[in-house]
Amino acid sequence: MSKVVAVIYISMDGVVEAPAWTGPFWNDDHGKFQAGQLSQSRALLLGRVTYDGMSEAWPAMEAAGEDVGEMNSIPKHVASTTLKEPTWNAAVIEGDVAEGVAKLKAEDGKDLLVYGSGDLVNYLIKHDLIDELKLFLHPVIVGKGKRLFPDGVDTKTWQLAGTHTFGSGAIVLDYRPAARQEA
């Protein structure tokens, strides 16, 4: 059985949208951390908006000669009702997304990694399908933009499982659902 691990770039005021504001905090340690997350994963789970942005950016980086590691080759599963012809080694999750992700989780292998995709993360949390929520908190107040948890989401309790700090002032807060903690 696989775990679903969500890594979310987030500002101090909860913004997750258009994370160009993370740029000043990016360094080699961040790259190593993200490469480690990717190497522990067998596939990405993405929402449509995140998929669209990443599928434009990452192949272009490779074409420009940048080392993009496994990002372009790892399989991607996209939660979308409108994407008809996915590219970039991707497939659309057909039918009910919760059922589709549960089937993917039931397969043996490495983790399923979610990058960004705030709406998908909230949907998966609602259906108890997120096993690890890693909030990659950046020391910046953005002031406007979409927040990870909108008003009206169900109350869920999480337990801190660890932290990872960076010299840039960013920190990863690693949470697990409190109700599913193993002894």
C-alpha atoms as a PDB file:
ATOM      1  CA  MET A   1       0.000   0.000   0.000  1.00  0.00           C
ATOM      2  CA  SER A   2       1.231   3.485  -0.881  1.00  0.00           C
ATOM      3  CA  LYS A   3       0.943   6.709   1.071  1.00  0.00           C
ATOM      4  CA  VAL A   4      -0.378   9.976  -0.318  1.00  0.00           C
ATOM      5  CA  VAL A   5       2.067  12.736   0.604  1.00  0.00           C
ATOM      6  CA  ALA A   6       1.167  16.372  -0.100  1.00  0.00           C
ATOM      7  CA  VAL A   7       3.938  18.988  -0.227  1.00  0.00           C
ATOM      8  CA  ILE A   8       2.467  22.470  -0.304  1.00  0.00           C
ATOM      9  CA  TYR A   9       4.329  25.765  -0.649  1.00  0.00           C
ATOM     10  CA  ILE A  10       2.575  28.168   1.700  1.00  0.00           C
ATOM     11  CA  SER A  11       3.154  31.724   2.878  1.00  0.00           C
ATOM     12  CA  MET A  12       2.864  32.889   6.475  1.00  0.00           C
ATOM     13  CA  ASP A  13      -0.617  34.218   5.689  1.00  0.00           C
ATOM     14  CA  GLY A  14      -1.732  30.905   4.168  1.00  0.00           C
ATOM     15  CA  VAL A  15      -1.442  31.770   0.462  1.00  0.00           C
ATOM     16  CA  VAL A  16      -0.648  28.868  -1.884  1.00  0.00           C
ATOM     17  CA  GLU A  17      -1.484  30.440  -5.238  1.00  0.00           C
ATOM     18  CA  ALA A  18       1.142  31.327  -7.867  1.00  0.00           C
ATOM     19  CA  PRO A  19       4.130  30.577  -5.607  1.00  0.00           C
ATOM     20  CA  ALA A  20       6.664  32.735  -7.439  1.00  0.00           C
ATOM     21  CA  TRP A  21       7.089  34.391  -4.018  1.00  0.00           C
ATOM     22  CA  THR A  22       9.109  31.311  -2.959  1.00  0.00           C
ATOM     23  CA  GLY A  23      11.937  32.251  -5.349  1.00  0.00           C
ATOM     24  CA  PRO A  24      14.000  34.384  -2.940  1.00  0.00           C
ATOM     25  CA  PHE A  25      14.070  31.488  -0.463  1.00  0.00           C
ATOM     26  CA  TRP A  26      15.068  28.760  -2.926  1.00  0.00           C
ATOM     27  CA  ASN A  27      18.546  27.276  -2.510  1.00  0.00           C
ATOM     28  CA  ASP A  28      20.385  23.974  -2.967  1.00  0.00           C
ATOM     29  CA  ASP A  29      18.963  22.610   0.307  1.00  0.00           C
ATOM     30  CA  HIS A  30      15.432  23.183  -0.973  1.00  0.00           C
ATOM     31  CA  GLY A  31      16.336  21.398  -4.195  1.00  0.00           C
ATOM     32  CA  LYS A  32      17.750  18.426  -2.289  1.00  0.00           C
ATOM     33  CA  PHE A  33      14.650  18.240  -0.100  1.00  0.00           C
ATOM     34  CA  GLN A  34      12.316  18.264  -3.100  1.00  0.00           C
ATOM     35  CA  ALA A  35      14.472  15.754  -5.002  1.00  0.00           C
ATOM     36  CA  GLY A  36      14.250  13.484  -1.954  1.00  0.00           C
ATOM     37  CA  GLN A  37      10.465  13.738  -1.928  1.00  0.00           C
ATOM     38  CA  LEU A  38      10.332  12.914  -5.624  1.00  0.00           C
ATOM     39  CA  SER A  39      12.733   9.963  -5.296  1.00  0.00           C
ATOM     40  CA  GLN A  40      10.445   8.428  -2.641  1.00  0.00           C
ATOM     41  CA  SER A  41       7.466   8.631  -5.004  1.00  0.00           C
ATOM     42  CA  ARG A  42       6.204   6.493  -7.850  1.00  0.00           C
ATOM     43  CA  ALA A  43       3.768   9.039  -9.282  1.00  0.00           C
ATOM     44  CA  LEU A  44       2.412  12.543  -8.919  1.00  0.00           C
ATOM     45  CA  LEU A  45      -1.214  13.390  -8.171  1.00  0.00           C
ATOM     46  CA  LEU A  46      -2.097  16.812  -9.553  1.00  0.00           C
ATOM     47  CA  GLY A  47      -5.094  19.067  -9.921  1.00  0.00           C
ATOM     48  CA  ARG A  48      -5.788  20.514 -13.355  1.00  0.00           C
ATOM     49  CA  VAL A  49      -4.422  24.022 -12.705  1.00  0.00           C
ATOM     50  CA  THR A  50      -1.172  22.725 -11.201  1.00  0.00           C
ATOM     51  CA  TYR A  51      -0.840  20.172 -13.999  1.00  0.00           C
ATOM     52  CA  ASP A  52      -1.280  22.870 -16.653  1.00  0.00           C
ATOM     53  CA  GLY A  53       1.411  25.067 -15.125  1.00  0.00           C
ATOM     54  CA  MET A  54       3.886  22.282 -14.492  1.00  0.00           C
ATOM     55  CA  SER A  55       3.363  20.615 -17.877  1.00  0.00           C
ATOM     56  CA  GLU A  56       4.329  23.885 -19.575  1.00  0.00           C
ATOM     57  CA  ALA A  57       7.302  24.714 -17.342  1.00  0.00           C
ATOM     58  CA  TRP A  58       9.144  21.427 -16.741  1.00  0.00           C
ATOM     59  CA  PRO A  59       9.558  20.150 -20.315  1.00  0.00           C
ATOM     60  CA  ALA A  60      10.820  23.620 -21.301  1.00  0.00           C
ATOM     61  CA  MET A  61      13.448  23.487 -18.538  1.00  0.00           C
ATOM     62  CA  GLU A  62      14.688  20.143 -19.819  1.00  0.00           C
ATOM     63  CA  ALA A  63      14.761  21.447 -23.381  1.00  0.00           C
ATOM     64  CA  ALA A  64      16.901  24.355 -22.125  1.00  0.00           C
ATOM     65  CA  GLY A  65      19.414  21.853 -20.759  1.00  0.00           C
ATOM     66  CA  GLU A  66      18.504  22.134 -17.083  1.00  0.00           C
ATOM     67  CA  ASP A  67      18.727  19.054 -14.857  1.00  0.00           C
ATOM     68  CA  VAL A  68      15.112  18.351 -13.977  1.00  0.00           C
ATOM     69  CA  GLY A  69      15.738  14.968 -12.372  1.00  0.00           C
ATOM     70  CA  GLU A  70      12.779  12.639 -12.469  1.00  0.00           C
ATOM     71  CA  MET A  71      10.084  15.302 -12.832  1.00  0.00           C
ATOM     72  CA  ASN A  72       9.436  14.843 -16.540  1.00  0.00           C
ATOM     73  CA  SER A  73       9.544  11.036 -16.514  1.00  0.00           C
ATOM     74  CA  ILE A  74       7.537  10.206 -13.382  1.00  0.00           C
ATOM     75  CA  PRO A  75       3.914   9.204 -14.120  1.00  0.00           C
ATOM     76  CA  LYS A  76       1.263  11.825 -13.347  1.00  0.00           C
ATOM     77  CA  HIS A  77      -2.393  11.301 -12.439  1.00  0.00           C
ATOM     78  CA  VAL A  78      -4.553  14.387 -12.983  1.00  0.00           C
ATOM     79  CA  ALA A  79      -7.868  15.074 -11.257  1.00  0.00           C
ATOM     80  CA  SER A  80      -9.878  16.813 -13.965  1.00  0.00           C
ATOM     81  CA  THR A  81     -13.243  16.612 -15.646  1.00  0.00           C
ATOM     82  CA  THR A  82     -12.143  18.784 -18.570  1.00  0.00           C
ATOM     83  CA  LEU A  83      -8.682  17.497 -19.565  1.00  0.00           C
ATOM     84  CA  LYS A  84      -9.200  15.267 -22.590  1.00  0.00           C
ATOM     85  CA  GLU A  85      -5.737  14.718 -24.062  1.00  0.00           C
ATOM     86  CA  PRO A  86      -3.103  14.763 -21.329  1.00  0.00           C
ATOM     87  CA  THR A  87       0.558  14.939 -22.237  1.00  0.00           C
ATOM     88  CA  TRP A  88       3.709  14.965 -20.101  1.00  0.00           C
ATOM     89  CA  ASN A  89       3.423  11.297 -19.095  1.00  0.00           C
ATOM     90  CA  ALA A  90       0.000  11.938 -17.563  1.00  0.00           C
ATOM     91  CA  ALA A  91      -3.357  10.216 -17.335  1.00  0.00           C
ATOM     92  CA  VAL A  92      -6.684  11.610 -16.162  1.00  0.00           C
ATOM     93  CA  ILE A  93      -8.217   9.958 -13.084  1.00  0.00           C
ATOM     94  CA  GLU A  94     -11.436   8.579 -14.535  1.00  0.00           C
ATOM     95  CA  GLY A  95     -14.718   8.684 -12.615  1.00  0.00           C
ATOM     96  CA  ASP A  96     -14.824   9.427  -8.898  1.00  0.00           C
ATOM     97  CA  VAL A  97     -11.500  10.951  -7.838  1.00  0.00           C
ATOM     98  CA  ALA A  98     -11.671   9.562  -4.289  1.00  0.00           C
ATOM     99  CA  GLU A  99     -12.196   6.032  -5.627  1.00  0.00           C
ATOM    100  CA  GLY A 100      -9.439   6.486  -8.205  1.00  0.00           C
ATOM    101  CA  VAL A 101      -6.937   7.717  -5.618  1.00  0.00           C
ATOM    102  CA  ALA A 102      -7.946   4.953  -3.192  1.00  0.00           C
ATOM    103  CA  LYS A 103      -7.200   2.395  -5.932  1.00  0.00           C
ATOM    104  CA  LEU A 104      -3.815   3.989  -6.600  1.00  0.00           C
ATOM    105  CA  LYS A 105      -3.070   3.957  -2.859  1.00  0.00           C
ATOM    106  CA  ALA A 106      -3.952   0.264  -2.648  1.00  0.00           C
ATOM    107  CA  GLU A 107      -1.182  -0.590  -5.116  1.00  0.00           C
ATOM    108  CA  ASP A 108       2.192  -1.552  -3.699  1.00  0.00           C
ATOM    109  CA  GLY A 109       5.093   0.766  -4.201  1.00  0.00           C
ATOM    110  CA  LYS A 110       6.473   4.124  -3.334  1.00  0.00           C
ATOM    111  CA  ASP A 111       4.445   7.174  -2.294  1.00  0.00           C
ATOM    112  CA  LEU A 112       1.994   9.143  -4.382  1.00  0.00           C
ATOM    113  CA  LEU A 113       3.135  12.766  -4.233  1.00  0.00           C
ATOM    114  CA  VAL A 114       0.874  15.791  -4.491  1.00  0.00           C
ATOM    115  CA  TYR A 115       2.501  19.117  -5.371  1.00  0.00           C
ATOM    116  CA  GLY A 116       0.413  22.249  -5.026  1.00  0.00           C
ATOM    117  CA  SER A 117      -3.122  21.421  -6.139  1.00  0.00           C
ATOM    118  CA  GLY A 118      -4.886  23.069  -3.180  1.00  0.00           C
ATOM    119  CA  ASP A 119      -8.402  22.078  -4.248  1.00  0.00           C
ATOM    120  CA  LEU A 120      -7.300  18.471  -4.747  1.00  0.00           C
ATOM    121  CA  VAL A 121      -5.562  18.441  -1.356  1.00  0.00           C
ATOM    122  CA  ASN A 122      -8.712  19.703   0.360  1.00  0.00           C
ATOM    123  CA  TYR A 123     -10.791  17.077  -1.466  1.00  0.00           C
ATOM    124  CA  LEU A 124      -8.389  14.291  -0.470  1.00  0.00           C
ATOM    125  CA  ILE A 125      -8.322  15.493   3.164  1.00  0.00           C
ATOM    126  CA  LYS A 126     -12.136  15.479   3.217  1.00  0.00           C
ATOM    127  CA  HIS A 127     -12.038  11.844   2.046  1.00  0.00           C
ATOM    128  CA  ASP A 128      -9.266  10.842   4.508  1.00  0.00           C
ATOM    129  CA  LEU A 129      -6.827  10.059   1.708  1.00  0.00           C
ATOM    130  CA  ILE A 130      -3.865  12.255   2.747  1.00  0.00           C
ATOM    131  CA  ASP A 131      -1.338  10.380   4.890  1.00  0.00           C
ATOM    132  CA  GLU A 132       1.271  13.139   5.209  1.00  0.00           C
ATOM    133  CA  LEU A 133       0.747  16.876   4.829  1.00  0.00           C
ATOM    134  CA  LYS A 134       4.032  18.745   4.488  1.00  0.00           C
ATOM    135  CA  LEU A 135       3.505  22.480   4.692  1.00  0.00           C
ATOM    136  CA  PHE A 136       6.585  24.138   3.182  1.00  0.00           C
ATOM    137  CA  LEU A 137       6.205  27.435   5.047  1.00  0.00           C
ATOM    138  CA  HIS A 138       8.050  30.432   3.605  1.00  0.00           C
ATOM    139  CA  PRO A 139       8.807  33.528   5.709  1.00  0.00           C
ATOM    140  CA  VAL A 140       6.782  35.908   3.589  1.00  0.00           C
ATOM    141  CA  ILE A 141       3.366  37.542   3.850  1.00  0.00           C
ATOM    142  CA  VAL A 142       1.909  37.663   0.358  1.00  0.00           C
ATOM    143  CA  GLY A 143      -1.187  39.693   1.239  1.00  0.00           C
ATOM    144  CA  LYS A 144      -3.526  38.300  -1.383  1.00  0.00           C
ATOM    145  CA  GLY A 145      -4.267  35.097  -3.221  1.00  0.00           C
ATOM    146  CA  LYS A 146      -5.904  31.746  -2.751  1.00  0.00           C
ATOM    147  CA  ARG A 147      -5.433  30.215   0.661  1.00  0.00           C
ATOM    148  CA  LEU A 148      -5.007  26.506   1.278  1.00  0.00           C
ATOM    149  CA  PHE A 149      -7.974  26.109   3.610  1.00  0.00           C
ATOM    150  CA  PRO A 150     -10.990  28.206   2.641  1.00  0.00           C
ATOM    151  CA  ASP A 151     -13.768  29.121   5.037  1.00  0.00           C
ATOM    152  CA  GLY A 152     -16.175  26.272   5.643  1.00  0.00           C
ATOM    153  CA  VAL A 153     -13.848  23.256   5.423  1.00  0.00           C
ATOM    154  CA  ASP A 154     -14.482  20.459   7.903  1.00  0.00           C
ATOM    155  CA  THR A 155     -12.483  20.479  11.122  1.00  0.00           C
ATOM    156  CA  LYS A 156      -9.640  17.944  11.023  1.00  0.00           C
ATOM    157  CA  THR A 157      -6.980  17.444  13.674  1.00  0.00           C
ATOM    158  CA  TRP A 158      -3.351  16.788  12.747  1.00  0.00           C
ATOM    159  CA  GLN A 159      -0.268  15.821  14.724  1.00  0.00           C
ATOM    160  CA  LEU A 160       3.181  17.199  14.062  1.00  0.00           C
ATOM    161  CA  ALA A 161       5.463  14.348  12.952  1.00  0.00           C
ATOM    162  CA  GLY A 162       8.578  16.395  12.295  1.00  0.00           C
ATOM    163  CA  THR A 163      10.144  19.555  10.974  1.00  0.00           C
ATOM    164  CA  HIS A 164      12.877  20.425   8.521  1.00  0.00           C
ATOM    165  CA  THR A 165      14.447  23.873   8.619  1.00  0.00           C
ATOM    166  CA  PHE A 166      16.388  25.722   5.952  1.00  0.00           C
ATOM    167  CA  GLY A 167      18.949  28.497   6.245  1.00  0.00           C
ATOM    168  CA  SER A 168      16.645  30.681   4.140  1.00  0.00           C
ATOM    169  CA  GLY A 169      14.148  30.820   7.005  1.00  0.00           C
ATOM    170  CA  ALA A 170      11.722  28.402   5.356  1.00  0.00           C
ATOM    171  CA  ILE A 171      10.537  25.371   7.317  1.00  0.00           C
ATOM    172  CA  VAL A 172       8.653  22.195   6.466  1.00  0.00           C
ATOM    173  CA  LEU A 173       6.012  21.257   9.007  1.00  0.00           C
ATOM    174  CA  ASP A 174       5.267  17.537   8.564  1.00  0.00           C
ATOM    175  CA  TYR A 175       1.771  16.616   9.770  1.00  0.00           C
ATOM    176  CA  ARG A 176      -0.176  13.349   9.964  1.00  0.00           C
ATOM    177  CA  PRO A 177      -3.915  12.922  10.535  1.00  0.00           C
ATOM    178  CA  ALA A 178      -4.421  12.597  14.302  1.00  0.00           C
ATOM    179  CA  ALA A 179      -7.202  10.045  14.019  1.00  0.00           C
ATOM    180  CA  ARG A 180      -5.010   7.641  12.053  1.00  0.00           C
ATOM    181  CA  GLN A 181      -1.840   7.748  14.144  1.00  0.00           C
ATOM    182  CA  GLU A 182      -0.264   4.333  14.503  1.00  0.00           C
ATOM    183  CA  ALA A 183       1.024   3.157  17.839  1.00  0.00           C
END
